[in-house]
Amino acid sequence: MDSKTAITYPCLWEYRLITDKPQGLLDELPGLLAPLKYQVCTKNKSAQGKYTSLQLSLVVSSKQEQHALFEKLSNHALVKWVL
């Protein structure tokens, strides 16, 4: 039995971005993700209020695009973690 779930592309994909500068990251997302259409909303703050999580939702057309976006987001200076 194969334990991996098959994903059919294109599909809606969500990333959780953890940052200590949420407004700065929100300001930079349009340039970072152009020309993709996306939705983003603030979700949670850490117990001490240092970190904020943003939920980014967008349609990805392939596994390669999904991984490329993960790498691009992970390497951005204002992103601490991508989940």
N, C-alpha and C. Protein backbone atom coordinates (compact mmCIF):
# COMPACT_ATOMS: atom_id res chain seq x y z
N MET A 1 0.84 -1.19 0.00
CA MET A 1 0.00 0.00 0.00
C MET A 1 0.88 1.25 0.00
N ASP A 2 0.59 2.17 -0.90
CA ASP A 2 1.36 3.42 -1.01
C ASP A 2 0.84 4.40 0.04
N SER A 3 1.74 4.91 0.88
CA SER A 3 1.33 5.82 1.96
C SER A 3 1.22 7.27 1.50
N LYS A 4 1.67 7.57 0.30
CA LYS A 4 1.59 8.95 -0.20
C LYS A 4 0.22 9.21 -0.83
N THR A 5 -0.31 10.39 -0.55
CA THR A 5 -1.57 10.80 -1.14
C THR A 5 -1.29 11.48 -2.47
N ALA A 6 -2.02 11.07 -3.49
CA ALA A 6 -1.84 11.68 -4.81
C ALA A 6 -2.44 13.08 -4.81
N ILE A 7 -1.69 14.02 -5.35
CA ILE A 7 -2.15 15.41 -5.48
C ILE A 7 -2.37 15.67 -6.96
N THR A 8 -3.54 16.18 -7.27
CA THR A 8 -3.87 16.51 -8.65
C THR A 8 -3.67 18.01 -8.84
N TYR A 9 -2.81 18.36 -9.80
CA TYR A 9 -2.52 19.76 -10.10
C TYR A 9 -3.30 20.20 -11.32
N PRO A 10 -3.69 21.46 -11.42
CA PRO A 10 -3.48 22.54 -10.45
C PRO A 10 -4.37 22.34 -9.22
N CYS A 11 -3.92 22.88 -8.08
CA CYS A 11 -4.68 22.77 -6.85
C CYS A 11 -4.39 23.97 -5.94
N LEU A 12 -5.30 24.19 -5.02
CA LEU A 12 -5.11 25.24 -4.02
C LEU A 12 -4.10 24.74 -3.01
N TRP A 13 -3.08 25.55 -2.72
CA TRP A 13 -2.04 25.18 -1.78
C TRP A 13 -1.90 26.27 -0.73
N GLU A 14 -1.63 25.88 0.49
CA GLU A 14 -1.46 26.85 1.56
C GLU A 14 -0.09 26.72 2.19
N TYR A 15 0.51 27.86 2.44
CA TYR A 15 1.77 27.95 3.16
C TYR A 15 1.52 28.75 4.42
N ARG A 16 2.15 28.37 5.50
CA ARG A 16 2.09 29.17 6.72
C ARG A 16 3.46 29.82 6.85
N LEU A 17 3.49 31.15 6.84
CA LEU A 17 4.72 31.92 6.92
C LEU A 17 4.86 32.48 8.32
N ILE A 18 5.98 32.22 8.97
CA ILE A 18 6.24 32.74 10.30
C ILE A 18 7.25 33.87 10.16
N THR A 19 6.91 35.02 10.75
CA THR A 19 7.75 36.21 10.60
C THR A 19 7.74 37.04 11.87
N ASP A 20 8.76 37.85 12.06
CA ASP A 20 8.76 38.80 13.16
C ASP A 20 8.48 40.22 12.65
N LYS A 21 8.23 40.34 11.34
CA LYS A 21 7.89 41.63 10.72
C LYS A 21 6.72 41.42 9.76
N PRO A 22 5.52 41.18 10.30
CA PRO A 22 4.39 40.85 9.43
C PRO A 22 4.03 41.93 8.42
N GLN A 23 4.03 43.19 8.82
CA GLN A 23 3.65 44.25 7.87
C GLN A 23 4.68 44.37 6.76
N GLY A 24 5.96 44.25 7.09
CA GLY A 24 7.00 44.29 6.07
C GLY A 24 6.85 43.16 5.06
N LEU A 25 6.54 41.97 5.56
CA LEU A 25 6.35 40.83 4.66
C LEU A 25 5.10 41.02 3.80
N LEU A 26 4.02 41.49 4.40
CA LEU A 26 2.80 41.76 3.63
C LEU A 26 3.07 42.77 2.51
N ASP A 27 3.89 43.77 2.79
CA ASP A 27 4.23 44.78 1.79
C ASP A 27 5.06 44.20 0.64
N GLU A 28 5.87 43.18 0.93
CA GLU A 28 6.76 42.61 -0.09
C GLU A 28 6.16 41.46 -0.88
N LEU A 29 5.09 40.85 -0.39
CA LEU A 29 4.50 39.70 -1.08
C LEU A 29 4.07 39.99 -2.51
N PRO A 30 3.45 41.15 -2.82
CA PRO A 30 3.06 41.37 -4.22
C PRO A 30 4.24 41.27 -5.20
N GLY A 31 5.36 41.85 -4.87
CA GLY A 31 6.53 41.78 -5.74
C GLY A 31 7.15 40.40 -5.76
N LEU A 32 7.09 39.71 -4.64
CA LEU A 32 7.68 38.38 -4.53
C LEU A 32 6.88 37.34 -5.31
N LEU A 33 5.56 37.49 -5.33
CA LEU A 33 4.70 36.47 -5.93
C LEU A 33 4.14 36.84 -7.30
N ALA A 34 4.41 38.05 -7.79
CA ALA A 34 3.87 38.46 -9.09
C ALA A 34 4.30 37.46 -10.16
N PRO A 35 3.45 37.12 -11.09
CA PRO A 35 2.09 37.58 -11.36
C PRO A 35 1.01 36.70 -10.74
N LEU A 36 1.37 35.86 -9.78
CA LEU A 36 0.39 34.94 -9.18
C LEU A 36 -0.67 35.68 -8.37
N LYS A 37 -1.87 35.14 -8.40
CA LYS A 37 -2.96 35.67 -7.57
C LYS A 37 -2.97 34.84 -6.29
N TYR A 38 -3.13 35.51 -5.17
CA TYR A 38 -3.07 34.82 -3.89
C TYR A 38 -3.95 35.54 -2.88
N GLN A 39 -4.17 34.87 -1.76
CA GLN A 39 -4.84 35.48 -0.61
C GLN A 39 -3.93 35.25 0.59
N VAL A 40 -3.89 36.24 1.46
CA VAL A 40 -3.07 36.10 2.67
C VAL A 40 -3.85 36.70 3.84
N CYS A 41 -3.74 36.04 4.98
CA CYS A 41 -4.38 36.57 6.18
C CYS A 41 -3.50 36.27 7.39
N THR A 42 -3.61 37.14 8.37
CA THR A 42 -2.88 36.95 9.62
C THR A 42 -3.61 35.90 10.44
N LYS A 43 -2.86 34.95 11.00
CA LYS A 43 -3.48 33.87 11.75
C LYS A 43 -3.20 33.98 13.26
N ASN A 44 -1.98 33.73 13.68
CA ASN A 44 -1.67 33.65 15.10
C ASN A 44 -0.44 34.46 15.45
N LYS A 45 -0.33 34.79 16.74
CA LYS A 45 0.89 35.40 17.28
C LYS A 45 1.45 34.46 18.32
N SER A 46 2.77 34.48 18.47
CA SER A 46 3.41 33.65 19.48
C SER A 46 3.04 34.15 20.88
N ALA A 47 3.30 33.34 21.89
CA ALA A 47 2.92 33.67 23.27
C ALA A 47 3.49 35.01 23.71
N GLN A 48 4.73 35.31 23.36
CA GLN A 48 5.35 36.59 23.72
C GLN A 48 5.09 37.68 22.70
N GLY A 49 4.42 37.35 21.59
CA GLY A 49 4.09 38.34 20.59
C GLY A 49 5.22 38.68 19.63
N LYS A 50 6.31 37.91 19.68
CA LYS A 50 7.45 38.20 18.81
C LYS A 50 7.19 37.77 17.36
N TYR A 51 6.53 36.64 17.18
CA TYR A 51 6.31 36.09 15.85
C TYR A 51 4.83 36.09 15.49
N THR A 52 4.57 36.27 14.20
CA THR A 52 3.21 36.23 13.67
C THR A 52 3.19 35.23 12.52
N SER A 53 2.10 34.47 12.42
CA SER A 53 1.96 33.57 11.28
C SER A 53 0.96 34.15 10.29
N LEU A 54 1.32 34.03 9.03
CA LEU A 54 0.47 34.46 7.92
C LEU A 54 0.10 33.21 7.13
N GLN A 55 -1.16 33.09 6.75
CA GLN A 55 -1.58 31.99 5.90
C GLN A 55 -1.69 32.49 4.47
N LEU A 56 -0.87 31.91 3.61
CA LEU A 56 -0.83 32.27 2.20
C LEU A 56 -1.50 31.16 1.40
N SER A 57 -2.51 31.50 0.62
CA SER A 57 -3.24 30.53 -0.20
C SER A 57 -3.15 30.94 -1.67
N LEU A 58 -2.80 29.98 -2.52
CA LEU A 58 -2.73 30.24 -3.95
C LEU A 58 -2.82 28.95 -4.72
N VAL A 59 -3.11 29.04 -6.00
CA VAL A 59 -3.18 27.86 -6.85
C VAL A 59 -1.80 27.60 -7.43
N VAL A 60 -1.35 26.35 -7.26
CA VAL A 60 -0.07 25.93 -7.86
C VAL A 60 -0.39 24.98 -9.01
N SER A 61 0.38 25.10 -10.08
CA SER A 61 0.08 24.32 -11.28
C SER A 61 0.84 23.00 -11.35
N SER A 62 1.87 22.84 -10.49
CA SER A 62 2.66 21.60 -10.54
C SER A 62 3.43 21.44 -9.23
N LYS A 63 3.94 20.24 -9.03
CA LYS A 63 4.78 19.96 -7.86
C LYS A 63 6.04 20.82 -7.90
N GLN A 64 6.57 21.03 -9.10
CA GLN A 64 7.77 21.85 -9.25
C GLN A 64 7.50 23.30 -8.82
N GLU A 65 6.34 23.84 -9.21
CA GLU A 65 5.99 25.20 -8.80
C GLU A 65 5.79 25.27 -7.29
N GLN A 66 5.15 24.26 -6.72
CA GLN A 66 4.94 24.20 -5.28
C GLN A 66 6.28 24.25 -4.54
N HIS A 67 7.24 23.45 -4.97
CA HIS A 67 8.55 23.42 -4.32
C HIS A 67 9.36 24.69 -4.57
N ALA A 68 9.25 25.24 -5.76
CA ALA A 68 9.95 26.49 -6.08
C ALA A 68 9.44 27.63 -5.21
N LEU A 69 8.13 27.70 -5.02
CA LEU A 69 7.56 28.74 -4.15
C LEU A 69 8.01 28.54 -2.71
N PHE A 70 8.05 27.29 -2.26
CA PHE A 70 8.52 27.00 -0.90
C PHE A 70 9.95 27.52 -0.72
N GLU A 71 10.81 27.24 -1.69
CA GLU A 71 12.20 27.69 -1.62
C GLU A 71 12.30 29.21 -1.65
N LYS A 72 11.54 29.84 -2.53
CA LYS A 72 11.56 31.29 -2.66
C LYS A 72 11.12 31.95 -1.36
N LEU A 73 10.04 31.44 -0.77
CA LEU A 73 9.55 31.99 0.49
C LEU A 73 10.52 31.72 1.63
N SER A 74 11.07 30.52 1.67
CA SER A 74 12.02 30.14 2.74
C SER A 74 13.27 31.00 2.73
N ASN A 75 13.69 31.42 1.55
CA ASN A 75 14.92 32.20 1.42
C ASN A 75 14.72 33.70 1.58
N HIS A 76 13.49 34.15 1.77
CA HIS A 76 13.22 35.58 1.93
C HIS A 76 13.67 36.03 3.32
N ALA A 77 14.29 37.19 3.38
CA ALA A 77 14.87 37.70 4.63
C ALA A 77 13.85 37.91 5.75
N LEU A 78 12.60 38.21 5.42
CA LEU A 78 11.60 38.47 6.45
C LEU A 78 10.85 37.22 6.90
N VAL A 79 11.11 36.09 6.26
CA VAL A 79 10.44 34.84 6.62
C VAL A 79 11.38 34.02 7.50
N LYS A 80 10.91 33.69 8.70
CA LYS A 80 11.71 32.86 9.61
C LYS A 80 11.52 31.38 9.32
N TRP A 81 10.26 30.96 9.10
CA TRP A 81 9.94 29.58 8.80
C TRP A 81 8.78 29.52 7.82
N VAL A 82 8.75 28.46 7.01
CA VAL A 82 7.62 28.18 6.14
C VAL A 82 7.11 26.77 6.49
N LEU A 83 5.85 26.70 6.72
CA LEU A 83 5.22 25.40 7.03
C LEU A 83 4.22 25.06 5.95
